[in-house]
Amino acid sequence: MEVQENNNMNIKNVREKIDNIDHKILNLISKRFTLLSNVVKYKIDNNLPIRNYKREKEILKNITKKASVLKINTKFVQKLFNNIILEAIRIEKKLKK
């Protein structure tokens, strides 16, 4: 019975650590999106379009390299960042109005 209790405590601690990491990820995404107002202002001031395909490609290339080094599934990371980019575009369009 004691072994079972130790395992339960261990899994509880691990899950708490995972939850903390999840919160940090969300906070970083929030900070990333907060910076978009500066990007939109720059784009408006310089008469630039919301979409910058060259920048999007650069982001995906860089994170794919980093994911590979970290032994993270690169397809997963590309999908994740594609979604982040699409949300950023949606926010930028909203801010530009």
Protein backbone atom coordinates (compact mmCIF):
# COMPACT_ATOMS: atom_id res chain seq x y z
CA MET A 1 0.00 0.00 0.00
CA GLU A 2 2.85 2.38 0.78
CA VAL A 3 4.34 1.89 -2.70
CA GLN A 4 0.97 2.82 -4.25
CA GLU A 5 0.83 6.01 -2.16
CA ASN A 6 4.38 6.95 -3.21
CA ASN A 7 3.46 6.44 -6.87
CA ASN A 8 0.35 8.59 -6.45
CA MET A 9 2.39 11.34 -4.81
CA ASN A 10 5.01 11.11 -7.54
CA ILE A 11 2.47 11.37 -10.36
CA LYS A 12 0.79 14.27 -8.57
CA ASN A 13 4.11 16.13 -8.35
CA VAL A 14 4.90 15.44 -12.00
CA ARG A 15 1.45 16.67 -13.06
CA GLU A 16 1.90 19.85 -11.02
CA LYS A 17 5.20 20.48 -12.82
CA ILE A 18 3.51 19.89 -16.18
CA ASP A 19 0.72 22.30 -15.22
CA ASN A 20 3.31 24.94 -14.31
CA ILE A 21 5.03 24.51 -17.66
CA ASP A 22 1.66 24.78 -19.44
CA HIS A 23 1.00 28.08 -17.64
CA LYS A 24 4.42 29.38 -18.66
CA ILE A 25 3.75 28.44 -22.28
CA LEU A 26 0.44 30.32 -22.19
CA ASN A 27 2.08 33.37 -20.63
CA LEU A 28 4.74 33.40 -23.35
CA ILE A 29 2.11 33.12 -26.08
CA SER A 30 0.23 36.00 -24.48
CA LYS A 31 3.41 38.12 -24.42
CA ARG A 32 4.07 37.24 -28.06
CA PHE A 33 0.58 38.40 -29.07
CA THR A 34 0.89 41.57 -26.96
CA LEU A 35 3.88 42.62 -29.07
CA LEU A 36 1.72 42.55 -32.19
CA SER A 37 0.45 46.09 -31.61
CA ASN A 38 4.02 47.30 -32.23
CA VAL A 39 4.24 45.21 -35.39
CA VAL A 40 0.93 46.56 -36.68
CA LYS A 41 1.99 50.14 -36.00
CA TYR A 42 5.21 49.56 -37.93
CA LYS A 43 3.33 47.97 -40.82
CA ILE A 44 0.84 50.85 -40.97
CA ASP A 45 3.58 53.49 -40.76
CA ASN A 46 5.51 51.78 -43.56
CA ASN A 47 2.50 50.85 -45.68
CA LEU A 48 3.21 47.12 -45.39
CA PRO A 49 0.69 44.27 -45.72
CA ILE A 50 -0.36 42.20 -42.71
CA ARG A 51 0.96 38.97 -44.22
CA ASN A 52 4.70 38.63 -44.61
CA TYR A 53 5.24 35.24 -46.21
CA LYS A 54 9.03 35.62 -46.11
CA ARG A 55 8.92 36.19 -42.33
CA GLU A 56 6.51 33.28 -41.83
CA LYS A 57 8.82 30.99 -43.78
CA GLU A 58 11.80 32.23 -41.75
CA ILE A 59 9.99 31.54 -38.45
CA LEU A 60 9.02 28.02 -39.53
CA LYS A 61 12.54 27.28 -40.76
CA ASN A 62 14.11 28.46 -37.48
CA ILE A 63 11.72 26.63 -35.18
CA THR A 64 12.01 23.46 -37.26
CA LYS A 65 15.80 23.52 -36.82
CA LYS A 66 15.44 24.17 -33.10
CA ALA A 67 12.84 21.39 -32.72
CA SER A 68 15.12 18.96 -34.50
CA VAL A 69 18.01 19.79 -32.15
CA LEU A 70 15.69 19.33 -29.16
CA LYS A 71 14.43 16.01 -30.58
CA ILE A 72 10.84 17.32 -30.84
CA ASN A 73 8.65 16.12 -33.69
CA THR A 74 9.18 18.79 -36.34
CA LYS A 75 5.77 18.23 -37.98
CA PHE A 76 4.10 18.88 -34.62
CA VAL A 77 6.12 22.07 -34.09
CA GLN A 78 5.34 23.29 -37.61
CA LYS A 79 1.61 22.76 -37.02
CA LEU A 80 1.81 24.50 -33.66
CA PHE A 81 3.61 27.53 -35.07
CA ASN A 82 1.38 27.64 -38.15
CA ASN A 83 -1.53 28.04 -35.73
CA ILE A 84 0.32 30.71 -33.77
CA ILE A 85 1.09 32.58 -37.00
CA LEU A 86 -2.53 32.34 -38.18
CA GLU A 87 -3.77 33.69 -34.85
CA ALA A 88 -1.21 36.50 -35.03
CA ILE A 89 -2.49 37.43 -38.49
CA ARG A 90 -6.07 37.43 -37.19
CA ILE A 91 -5.06 39.71 -34.30
CA GLU A 92 -3.06 42.01 -36.58
CA LYS A 93 -6.03 42.39 -38.93
CA LYS A 94 -8.25 43.24 -35.98
CA LEU A 95 -5.72 45.78 -34.64
CA LYS A 96 -5.26 47.39 -38.06
CA LYS A 97 -8.96 48.34 -38.32
